[in-house]
Amino acid sequence: MNLARIVSAEHVGGFRYRLRFADGAEGVADLDPEVGHGAALAPVRAAPGAFSVSGHGRALAWLDAEGEEVDFCADMLRDLIAHRQQAAE
């Protein structure tokens, strides 16, 4: 099984991120539906552009008030982009 690995990430506004993966896939992941709920995602809502690529490309991550990572895994982000591209076809 090939695991998705993010090689570049750019915040493009709101909760949207342009991502490129090691396998050459790329696209925009819109996390707006995911970040609207729950206290755990407050760091993302508070500072959507203050992320890093963590775990050797395996996640987009934000730090919470205690310094713990809040993240979205690369596999989920890759699937989100693929589904969006399929819906557009």
N, C-alpha and C. Protein backbone atom coordinates (compact mmCIF):
# COMPACT_ATOMS: atom_id res chain seq x y z
N MET A 1 0.85 -1.18 0.00
CA MET A 1 0.00 0.00 0.00
C MET A 1 0.89 1.24 0.00
N ASN A 2 0.60 2.17 -0.91
CA ASN A 2 1.33 3.43 -0.96
C ASN A 2 0.64 4.46 -0.08
N LEU A 3 1.42 5.05 0.81
CA LEU A 3 0.89 6.10 1.66
C LEU A 3 1.15 7.45 1.02
N ALA A 4 0.15 8.33 1.08
CA ALA A 4 0.30 9.67 0.52
C ALA A 4 1.35 10.44 1.32
N ARG A 5 2.14 11.24 0.61
CA ARG A 5 3.14 12.09 1.26
C ARG A 5 3.09 13.46 0.60
N ILE A 6 2.87 14.48 1.41
CA ILE A 6 2.79 15.86 0.93
C ILE A 6 4.21 16.38 0.72
N VAL A 7 4.46 16.93 -0.48
CA VAL A 7 5.77 17.51 -0.75
C VAL A 7 5.72 19.04 -0.76
N SER A 8 4.54 19.61 -0.96
CA SER A 8 4.40 21.06 -0.82
C SER A 8 2.97 21.40 -0.46
N ALA A 9 2.82 22.48 0.30
CA ALA A 9 1.50 22.91 0.75
C ALA A 9 1.48 24.43 0.82
N GLU A 10 0.37 25.00 0.35
CA GLU A 10 0.21 26.44 0.35
C GLU A 10 -1.21 26.78 0.79
N HIS A 11 -1.32 27.69 1.75
CA HIS A 11 -2.64 28.18 2.17
C HIS A 11 -3.11 29.14 1.09
N VAL A 12 -4.30 28.90 0.51
CA VAL A 12 -4.79 29.74 -0.58
C VAL A 12 -6.02 30.55 -0.20
N GLY A 13 -6.33 30.59 1.09
CA GLY A 13 -7.45 31.39 1.58
C GLY A 13 -8.49 30.55 2.28
N GLY A 14 -9.13 31.15 3.27
CA GLY A 14 -10.12 30.41 4.04
C GLY A 14 -9.49 29.17 4.65
N PHE A 15 -10.12 28.05 4.43
CA PHE A 15 -9.58 26.76 4.88
C PHE A 15 -9.21 25.90 3.68
N ARG A 16 -8.68 26.56 2.65
CA ARG A 16 -8.29 25.87 1.41
C ARG A 16 -6.76 25.82 1.30
N TYR A 17 -6.27 24.65 0.87
CA TYR A 17 -4.83 24.40 0.80
C TYR A 17 -4.49 23.73 -0.52
N ARG A 18 -3.56 24.32 -1.25
CA ARG A 18 -3.07 23.70 -2.48
C ARG A 18 -1.96 22.74 -2.07
N LEU A 19 -2.14 21.47 -2.42
CA LEU A 19 -1.21 20.43 -2.00
C LEU A 19 -0.64 19.71 -3.22
N ARG A 20 0.61 19.34 -3.11
CA ARG A 20 1.25 18.49 -4.10
C ARG A 20 1.81 17.29 -3.35
N PHE A 21 1.61 16.11 -3.94
CA PHE A 21 2.01 14.87 -3.30
C PHE A 21 3.19 14.23 -4.03
N ALA A 22 3.87 13.35 -3.34
CA ALA A 22 5.07 12.71 -3.90
C ALA A 22 4.77 11.93 -5.17
N ASP A 23 3.55 11.44 -5.32
CA ASP A 23 3.21 10.67 -6.53
C ASP A 23 2.84 11.58 -7.71
N GLY A 24 2.95 12.90 -7.53
CA GLY A 24 2.66 13.84 -8.60
C GLY A 24 1.26 14.41 -8.58
N ALA A 25 0.38 13.82 -7.79
CA ALA A 25 -0.98 14.34 -7.69
C ALA A 25 -0.94 15.71 -7.02
N GLU A 26 -1.87 16.56 -7.42
CA GLU A 26 -1.98 17.86 -6.77
C GLU A 26 -3.39 18.38 -6.91
N GLY A 27 -3.73 19.32 -6.05
CA GLY A 27 -5.05 19.93 -6.08
C GLY A 27 -5.27 20.74 -4.84
N VAL A 28 -6.50 21.24 -4.72
CA VAL A 28 -6.86 22.07 -3.58
C VAL A 28 -7.79 21.28 -2.66
N ALA A 29 -7.41 21.20 -1.40
CA ALA A 29 -8.24 20.57 -0.38
C ALA A 29 -8.98 21.67 0.36
N ASP A 30 -10.30 21.60 0.38
CA ASP A 30 -11.14 22.56 1.10
C ASP A 30 -11.56 21.90 2.41
N LEU A 31 -11.00 22.38 3.51
CA LEU A 31 -11.28 21.79 4.81
C LEU A 31 -12.42 22.48 5.55
N ASP A 32 -13.07 23.43 4.90
CA ASP A 32 -14.14 24.18 5.55
C ASP A 32 -15.19 23.28 6.22
N PRO A 33 -15.70 22.24 5.56
CA PRO A 33 -16.69 21.39 6.22
C PRO A 33 -16.15 20.68 7.47
N GLU A 34 -14.86 20.38 7.48
CA GLU A 34 -14.28 19.64 8.59
C GLU A 34 -13.96 20.50 9.80
N VAL A 35 -13.58 21.76 9.60
CA VAL A 35 -13.11 22.57 10.73
C VAL A 35 -14.22 23.34 11.43
N GLY A 36 -15.43 23.24 10.95
CA GLY A 36 -16.52 24.00 11.53
C GLY A 36 -17.00 23.52 12.89
N HIS A 37 -16.60 22.34 13.30
CA HIS A 37 -17.14 21.75 14.53
C HIS A 37 -16.03 21.26 15.45
N GLY A 38 -16.30 21.31 16.73
CA GLY A 38 -15.42 20.70 17.72
C GLY A 38 -14.30 21.59 18.22
N ALA A 39 -14.07 21.52 19.50
CA ALA A 39 -13.03 22.31 20.15
C ALA A 39 -11.63 21.89 19.70
N ALA A 40 -11.46 20.63 19.33
CA ALA A 40 -10.12 20.14 18.95
C ALA A 40 -9.58 20.88 17.74
N LEU A 41 -10.45 21.38 16.88
CA LEU A 41 -10.00 22.05 15.66
C LEU A 41 -9.93 23.56 15.80
N ALA A 42 -10.06 24.07 17.02
CA ALA A 42 -9.97 25.51 17.27
C ALA A 42 -8.67 26.11 16.75
N PRO A 43 -7.50 25.45 16.87
CA PRO A 43 -6.26 26.05 16.34
C PRO A 43 -6.31 26.27 14.83
N VAL A 44 -7.00 25.40 14.11
CA VAL A 44 -7.12 25.55 12.66
C VAL A 44 -8.01 26.76 12.36
N ARG A 45 -9.14 26.84 13.07
CA ARG A 45 -10.05 27.97 12.85
C ARG A 45 -9.40 29.30 13.21
N ALA A 46 -8.60 29.31 14.28
CA ALA A 46 -7.98 30.55 14.75
C ALA A 46 -6.88 31.06 13.83
N ALA A 47 -6.14 30.17 13.23
CA ALA A 47 -4.99 30.56 12.40
C ALA A 47 -4.82 29.57 11.25
N PRO A 48 -5.69 29.64 10.24
CA PRO A 48 -5.64 28.65 9.17
C PRO A 48 -4.32 28.62 8.39
N GLY A 49 -3.60 29.72 8.38
CA GLY A 49 -2.33 29.75 7.66
C GLY A 49 -1.13 29.35 8.48
N ALA A 50 -1.32 29.08 9.77
CA ALA A 50 -0.21 28.74 10.67
C ALA A 50 -0.01 27.23 10.79
N PHE A 51 0.15 26.58 9.66
CA PHE A 51 0.30 25.13 9.63
C PHE A 51 1.72 24.76 9.23
N SER A 52 2.03 23.50 9.40
CA SER A 52 3.29 22.96 8.88
C SER A 52 2.98 21.59 8.28
N VAL A 53 3.89 21.11 7.47
CA VAL A 53 3.80 19.74 6.97
C VAL A 53 4.61 18.91 7.96
N SER A 54 3.97 17.94 8.57
CA SER A 54 4.66 17.18 9.61
C SER A 54 4.72 15.69 9.27
N GLY A 55 5.41 14.96 10.11
CA GLY A 55 5.50 13.51 9.95
C GLY A 55 6.08 13.10 8.61
N HIS A 56 7.13 13.80 8.16
CA HIS A 56 7.77 13.49 6.88
C HIS A 56 6.78 13.52 5.73
N GLY A 57 5.88 14.52 5.77
CA GLY A 57 4.92 14.69 4.70
C GLY A 57 3.61 13.97 4.89
N ARG A 58 3.42 13.38 6.06
CA ARG A 58 2.22 12.57 6.29
C ARG A 58 1.03 13.36 6.82
N ALA A 59 1.19 14.68 7.10
CA ALA A 59 0.06 15.44 7.63
C ALA A 59 0.27 16.94 7.48
N LEU A 60 -0.85 17.68 7.49
CA LEU A 60 -0.84 19.12 7.71
C LEU A 60 -1.16 19.29 9.19
N ALA A 61 -0.37 20.09 9.90
CA ALA A 61 -0.52 20.17 11.35
C ALA A 61 -0.52 21.61 11.85
N TRP A 62 -1.27 21.82 12.91
CA TRP A 62 -1.33 23.08 13.65
C TRP A 62 -1.04 22.74 15.10
N LEU A 63 -0.52 23.69 15.86
CA LEU A 63 -0.27 23.47 17.28
C LEU A 63 -1.38 24.08 18.11
N ASP A 64 -1.85 23.32 19.12
CA ASP A 64 -2.85 23.86 20.03
C ASP A 64 -2.16 24.63 21.15
N ALA A 65 -2.93 25.14 22.10
CA ALA A 65 -2.40 25.98 23.18
C ALA A 65 -1.37 25.24 24.04
N GLU A 66 -1.45 23.91 24.09
CA GLU A 66 -0.51 23.12 24.89
C GLU A 66 0.69 22.64 24.07
N GLY A 67 0.76 23.03 22.81
CA GLY A 67 1.87 22.61 21.96
C GLY A 67 1.68 21.25 21.32
N GLU A 68 0.48 20.70 21.41
CA GLU A 68 0.17 19.41 20.80
C GLU A 68 -0.31 19.63 19.37
N GLU A 69 0.00 18.69 18.49
CA GLU A 69 -0.41 18.81 17.10
C GLU A 69 -1.87 18.44 16.91
N VAL A 70 -2.53 19.26 16.10
CA VAL A 70 -3.85 18.96 15.55
C VAL A 70 -3.60 18.79 14.07
N ASP A 71 -3.96 17.64 13.50
CA ASP A 71 -3.57 17.43 12.11
C ASP A 71 -4.63 16.76 11.26
N PHE A 72 -4.41 16.87 9.96
CA PHE A 72 -5.18 16.17 8.94
C PHE A 72 -4.20 15.30 8.19
N CYS A 73 -4.47 14.00 8.14
CA CYS A 73 -3.50 13.09 7.53
C CYS A 73 -3.50 13.23 6.01
N ALA A 74 -2.35 12.98 5.42
CA ALA A 74 -2.14 13.12 3.99
C ALA A 74 -3.07 12.20 3.19
N ASP A 75 -3.34 11.00 3.68
CA ASP A 75 -4.23 10.08 2.96
C ASP A 75 -5.62 10.67 2.82
N MET A 76 -6.16 11.23 3.90
CA MET A 76 -7.48 11.84 3.87
C MET A 76 -7.49 13.04 2.93
N LEU A 77 -6.45 13.86 2.99
CA LEU A 77 -6.37 15.04 2.13
C LEU A 77 -6.29 14.62 0.66
N ARG A 78 -5.51 13.60 0.36
CA ARG A 78 -5.38 13.08 -1.01
C ARG A 78 -6.72 12.58 -1.52
N ASP A 79 -7.46 11.84 -0.67
CA ASP A 79 -8.78 11.34 -1.04
C ASP A 79 -9.77 12.49 -1.25
N LEU A 80 -9.71 13.50 -0.39
CA LEU A 80 -10.58 14.67 -0.51
C LEU A 80 -10.38 15.35 -1.87
N ILE A 81 -9.13 15.53 -2.26
CA ILE A 81 -8.82 16.15 -3.55
C ILE A 81 -9.30 15.26 -4.70
N ALA A 82 -9.06 13.97 -4.62
CA ALA A 82 -9.47 13.05 -5.68
C ALA A 82 -10.99 13.06 -5.86
N HIS A 83 -11.74 13.07 -4.76
CA HIS A 83 -13.19 13.08 -4.85
C HIS A 83 -13.69 14.39 -5.46
N ARG A 84 -13.04 15.48 -5.12
CA ARG A 84 -13.42 16.78 -5.69
C ARG A 84 -13.17 16.79 -7.19
N GLN A 85 -12.04 16.23 -7.62
CA GLN A 85 -11.72 16.19 -9.04
C GLN A 85 -12.69 15.29 -9.79
N GLN A 86 -13.07 14.17 -9.19
CA GLN A 86 -14.04 13.27 -9.83
C GLN A 86 -15.40 13.94 -9.97
N ALA A 87 -15.81 14.69 -8.95
CA ALA A 87 -17.10 15.37 -9.00
C ALA A 87 -17.13 16.45 -10.07
N ALA A 88 -15.98 17.03 -10.35
CA ALA A 88 -15.89 18.11 -11.34
C ALA A 88 -15.96 17.56 -12.78
N GLU A 89 -15.70 16.27 -12.94
CA GLU A 89 -15.68 15.68 -14.30
C GLU A 89 -17.07 15.39 -14.81
